Amino acid sequence: EVQLVESGGGLVQAGGSLRLSCAASGFTFDDYAIGWFRQAPGKEREGVSYINTSDRITYYTDSVKGRFTISSDSAKNTVYLQMNSLKPEDTAVYYCNAGVASIQPGAMPMAMPMGDSGVAWFRPVGRWGQGTQVTVSS
């Protein structure tokens, strides 16, 4: 069973940094991309970034590009999200999931959009975990 456990959230002032971890198990690590998502109160879950663990190609939504960095450690079956220059609007519960990522002009069936570009998609295959809370104070 595909399982992912998030950790590393916390309370930080605007401009600060946090590093989130996503520990994966139950599948061959390089078989899937790993994505980070977030859900703020009263809003839908949105895609933030993903990494193809096989070739380490990454994708970032415009809202986090230049501030967040995703990386993977195959030896530890773990994906990290380094978040710098945090803003109050980054406050959310952050989740990770394994799945299939695609860059294509049309919608990918059963996939979530990654940002507003309309070309990046992620189809999660695991259950959503409890996530990790990130709170950025102004």
C-alpha atoms as a PDB file:
ATOM      1  CA  GLU A   1       0.000   0.000   0.000  1.00  0.00           C
ATOM      2  CA  VAL A   2       1.309   3.418  -0.968  1.00  0.00           C
ATOM      3  CA  GLN A   3       1.940   5.396   2.206  1.00  0.00           C
ATOM      4  CA  LEU A   4       3.341   8.863   2.703  1.00  0.00           C
ATOM      5  CA  VAL A   5       3.926  10.691   5.959  1.00  0.00           C
ATOM      6  CA  GLU A   6       4.497  14.416   6.130  1.00  0.00           C
ATOM      7  CA  SER A   7       6.486  16.228   8.808  1.00  0.00           C
ATOM      8  CA  GLY A   8       8.382  19.439   9.466  1.00  0.00           C
ATOM      9  CA  GLY A   9       5.639  22.019   9.662  1.00  0.00           C
ATOM     10  CA  GLY A  10       5.462  24.730  12.276  1.00  0.00           C
ATOM     11  CA  LEU A  11       4.979  28.388  13.058  1.00  0.00           C
ATOM     12  CA  VAL A  12       7.350  30.847  11.444  1.00  0.00           C
ATOM     13  CA  GLN A  13       7.458  34.586  10.867  1.00  0.00           C
ATOM     14  CA  ALA A  14       7.106  36.028   7.391  1.00  0.00           C
ATOM     15  CA  GLY A  15      10.415  35.810   5.585  1.00  0.00           C
ATOM     16  CA  GLY A  16      11.422  32.699   7.483  1.00  0.00           C
ATOM     17  CA  SER A  17      12.113  29.166   6.301  1.00  0.00           C
ATOM     18  CA  LEU A  18      10.907  25.649   6.930  1.00  0.00           C
ATOM     19  CA  ARG A  19      11.821  22.264   5.470  1.00  0.00           C
ATOM     20  CA  LEU A  20       9.089  19.704   5.054  1.00  0.00           C
ATOM     21  CA  SER A  21       9.760  15.982   4.720  1.00  0.00           C
ATOM     22  CA  CYS A  22       7.692  13.312   3.006  1.00  0.00           C
ATOM     23  CA  ALA A  23       8.597   9.738   3.936  1.00  0.00           C
ATOM     24  CA  ALA A  24       7.374   7.215   1.362  1.00  0.00           C
ATOM     25  CA  SER A  25       6.796   3.480   1.709  1.00  0.00           C
ATOM     26  CA  GLY A  26       4.857   0.650   0.106  1.00  0.00           C
ATOM     27  CA  PHE A  27       6.135   1.160  -3.425  1.00  0.00           C
ATOM     28  CA  THR A  28       9.320   1.403  -5.449  1.00  0.00           C
ATOM     29  CA  PHE A  29      10.422   4.971  -4.870  1.00  0.00           C
ATOM     30  CA  ASP A  30      11.439   5.687  -8.470  1.00  0.00           C
ATOM     31  CA  ASP A  31       8.149   4.383  -9.913  1.00  0.00           C
ATOM     32  CA  TYR A  32       6.193   7.536  -9.130  1.00  0.00           C
ATOM     33  CA  ALA A  33       6.542  11.257  -8.977  1.00  0.00           C
ATOM     34  CA  ILE A  34       6.084  12.814  -5.543  1.00  0.00           C
ATOM     35  CA  GLY A  35       4.051  15.966  -5.235  1.00  0.00           C
ATOM     36  CA  TRP A  36       3.476  18.540  -2.540  1.00  0.00           C
ATOM     37  CA  PHE A  37       0.050  20.072  -2.096  1.00  0.00           C
ATOM     38  CA  ARG A  38      -1.517  22.479   0.351  1.00  0.00           C
ATOM     39  CA  GLN A  39      -4.936  23.379   1.618  1.00  0.00           C
ATOM     40  CA  ALA A  40      -5.709  26.649   3.340  1.00  0.00           C
ATOM     41  CA  PRO A  41      -8.849  27.071   5.484  1.00  0.00           C
ATOM     42  CA  GLY A  42     -11.925  27.408   3.310  1.00  0.00           C
ATOM     43  CA  LYS A  43     -10.030  26.669   0.119  1.00  0.00           C
ATOM     44  CA  GLU A  44      -9.544  23.659  -2.089  1.00  0.00           C
ATOM     45  CA  ARG A  45      -6.376  21.619  -2.020  1.00  0.00           C
ATOM     46  CA  GLU A  46      -3.898  22.939  -4.564  1.00  0.00           C
ATOM     47  CA  GLY A  47      -0.729  21.596  -6.114  1.00  0.00           C
ATOM     48  CA  VAL A  48       2.531  23.281  -5.183  1.00  0.00           C
ATOM     49  CA  SER A  49       5.394  21.286  -6.661  1.00  0.00           C
ATOM     50  CA  TYR A  50       6.416  17.834  -7.791  1.00  0.00           C
ATOM     51  CA  ILE A  51       9.560  15.879  -8.560  1.00  0.00           C
ATOM     52  CA  ASN A  52      10.028  12.901 -10.820  1.00  0.00           C
ATOM     53  CA  THR A  53      12.122  10.738  -8.519  1.00  0.00           C
ATOM     54  CA  SER A  54      13.573   8.785 -11.459  1.00  0.00           C
ATOM     55  CA  ASP A  55      15.177  11.716 -13.250  1.00  0.00           C
ATOM     56  CA  ARG A  56      14.681  14.483 -10.656  1.00  0.00           C
ATOM     57  CA  ILE A  57      12.824  16.748 -13.058  1.00  0.00           C
ATOM     58  CA  THR A  58      10.897  19.253 -10.984  1.00  0.00           C
ATOM     59  CA  TYR A  59       7.915  21.535 -11.397  1.00  0.00           C
ATOM     60  CA  TYR A  60       6.779  24.528  -9.355  1.00  0.00           C
ATOM     61  CA  THR A  61       3.644  26.571  -9.483  1.00  0.00           C
ATOM     62  CA  ASP A  62       4.141  30.282 -10.068  1.00  0.00           C
ATOM     63  CA  SER A  63       3.183  31.180  -6.514  1.00  0.00           C
ATOM     64  CA  VAL A  64       6.195  29.345  -5.040  1.00  0.00           C
ATOM     65  CA  LYS A  65       8.714  29.463  -7.876  1.00  0.00           C
ATOM     66  CA  GLY A  66      12.000  30.923  -6.699  1.00  0.00           C
ATOM     67  CA  ARG A  67      11.121  30.441  -3.019  1.00  0.00           C
ATOM     68  CA  PHE A  68      10.512  26.696  -2.654  1.00  0.00           C
ATOM     69  CA  THR A  69      12.870  23.894  -3.641  1.00  0.00           C
ATOM     70  CA  ILE A  70      11.849  20.249  -3.924  1.00  0.00           C
ATOM     71  CA  SER A  71      14.417  17.466  -3.688  1.00  0.00           C
ATOM     72  CA  SER A  72      14.525  13.728  -3.187  1.00  0.00           C
ATOM     73  CA  ASP A  73      16.761  11.228  -1.410  1.00  0.00           C
ATOM     74  CA  SER A  74      16.326   7.756  -2.886  1.00  0.00           C
ATOM     75  CA  ALA A  75      18.407   6.148  -0.149  1.00  0.00           C
ATOM     76  CA  LYS A  76      15.919   7.393   2.432  1.00  0.00           C
ATOM     77  CA  ASN A  77      12.775   7.198   0.258  1.00  0.00           C
ATOM     78  CA  THR A  78      12.134  10.779   1.261  1.00  0.00           C
ATOM     79  CA  VAL A  79      11.195  13.953  -0.584  1.00  0.00           C
ATOM     80  CA  TYR A  80      11.850  17.372   0.897  1.00  0.00           C
ATOM     81  CA  LEU A  81      10.310  20.775   0.335  1.00  0.00           C
ATOM     82  CA  GLN A  82      12.590  23.616   1.369  1.00  0.00           C
ATOM     83  CA  MET A  83      10.469  26.719   1.814  1.00  0.00           C
ATOM     84  CA  ASN A  84      12.207  30.084   1.999  1.00  0.00           C
ATOM     85  CA  SER A  85      10.897  33.648   2.087  1.00  0.00           C
ATOM     86  CA  LEU A  86       7.638  32.399   3.508  1.00  0.00           C
ATOM     87  CA  LYS A  87       4.574  34.618   3.268  1.00  0.00           C
ATOM     88  CA  PRO A  88       1.363  34.627   5.312  1.00  0.00           C
ATOM     89  CA  GLU A  89      -0.472  33.347   2.228  1.00  0.00           C
ATOM     90  CA  ASP A  90       1.639  30.179   2.415  1.00  0.00           C
ATOM     91  CA  THR A  91      -0.238  29.249   5.585  1.00  0.00           C
ATOM     92  CA  ALA A  92      -1.929  25.899   5.000  1.00  0.00           C
ATOM     93  CA  VAL A  93      -1.832  22.216   5.757  1.00  0.00           C
ATOM     94  CA  TYR A  94       0.766  20.692   3.464  1.00  0.00           C
ATOM     95  CA  TYR A  95       0.357  17.194   2.049  1.00  0.00           C
ATOM     96  CA  CYS A  96       2.454  14.953  -0.145  1.00  0.00           C
ATOM     97  CA  ASN A  97       1.381  12.147  -2.400  1.00  0.00           C
ATOM     98  CA  ALA A  98       2.823   9.785  -4.963  1.00  0.00           C
ATOM     99  CA  GLY A  99       1.443   9.688  -8.441  1.00  0.00           C
ATOM    100  CA  VAL A 100       1.793  10.352 -12.138  1.00  0.00           C
ATOM    101  CA  ALA A 101       2.767  13.823 -13.291  1.00  0.00           C
ATOM    102  CA  SER A 102       2.296  15.202 -16.772  1.00  0.00           C
ATOM    103  CA  ILE A 103       2.821  18.350 -18.755  1.00  0.00           C
ATOM    104  CA  GLN A 104       0.141  18.514 -21.419  1.00  0.00           C
ATOM    105  CA  PRO A 105      -2.208  21.129 -22.875  1.00  0.00           C
ATOM    106  CA  GLY A 106      -5.438  19.291 -22.070  1.00  0.00           C
ATOM    107  CA  ALA A 107      -6.791  18.004 -18.789  1.00  0.00           C
ATOM    108  CA  MET A 108      -5.339  14.722 -17.560  1.00  0.00           C
ATOM    109  CA  PRO A 109      -8.090  12.317 -16.425  1.00  0.00           C
ATOM    110  CA  MET A 110      -8.491  12.015 -12.661  1.00  0.00           C
ATOM    111  CA  ALA A 111      -5.646  14.444 -12.104  1.00  0.00           C
ATOM    112  CA  MET A 112      -5.238  17.635 -10.117  1.00  0.00           C
ATOM    113  CA  PRO A 113      -3.975  20.771 -11.808  1.00  0.00           C
ATOM    114  CA  MET A 114      -0.648  22.063 -10.590  1.00  0.00           C
ATOM    115  CA  GLY A 115      -1.269  25.782 -10.353  1.00  0.00           C
ATOM    116  CA  ASP A 116      -3.124  27.854 -12.914  1.00  0.00           C
ATOM    117  CA  SER A 117      -0.976  27.106 -15.960  1.00  0.00           C
ATOM    118  CA  GLY A 118      -3.464  24.629 -17.372  1.00  0.00           C
ATOM    119  CA  VAL A 119      -0.667  22.357 -18.597  1.00  0.00           C
ATOM    120  CA  ALA A 120       0.722  20.687 -15.469  1.00  0.00           C
ATOM    121  CA  TRP A 121      -1.174  17.808 -13.876  1.00  0.00           C
ATOM    122  CA  PHE A 122      -0.730  15.281 -11.078  1.00  0.00           C
ATOM    123  CA  ARG A 123      -2.748  12.113 -10.606  1.00  0.00           C
ATOM    124  CA  PRO A 124      -2.297  10.949  -7.008  1.00  0.00           C
ATOM    125  CA  VAL A 125      -2.282   7.228  -6.273  1.00  0.00           C
ATOM    126  CA  GLY A 126      -1.985   7.161  -2.486  1.00  0.00           C
ATOM    127  CA  ARG A 127      -4.339   8.051   0.303  1.00  0.00           C
ATOM    128  CA  TRP A 128      -4.132  11.550   1.631  1.00  0.00           C
ATOM    129  CA  GLY A 129      -2.429  11.643   5.032  1.00  0.00           C
ATOM    130  CA  GLN A 130      -2.934  14.060   7.886  1.00  0.00           C
ATOM    131  CA  GLY A 131      -0.524  16.581   6.450  1.00  0.00           C
ATOM    132  CA  THR A 132       1.647  19.011   8.353  1.00  0.00           C
ATOM    133  CA  GLN A 133       0.523  22.489   9.380  1.00  0.00           C
ATOM    134  CA  VAL A 134       2.524  25.491   8.219  1.00  0.00           C
ATOM    135  CA  THR A 135       1.608  28.816   9.768  1.00  0.00           C
ATOM    136  CA  VAL A 136       3.317  32.012   8.685  1.00  0.00           C
ATOM    137  CA  SER A 137       2.732  35.046  10.851  1.00  0.00           C
ATOM    138  CA  SER A 138       2.965  38.574   9.517  1.00  0.00           C
END
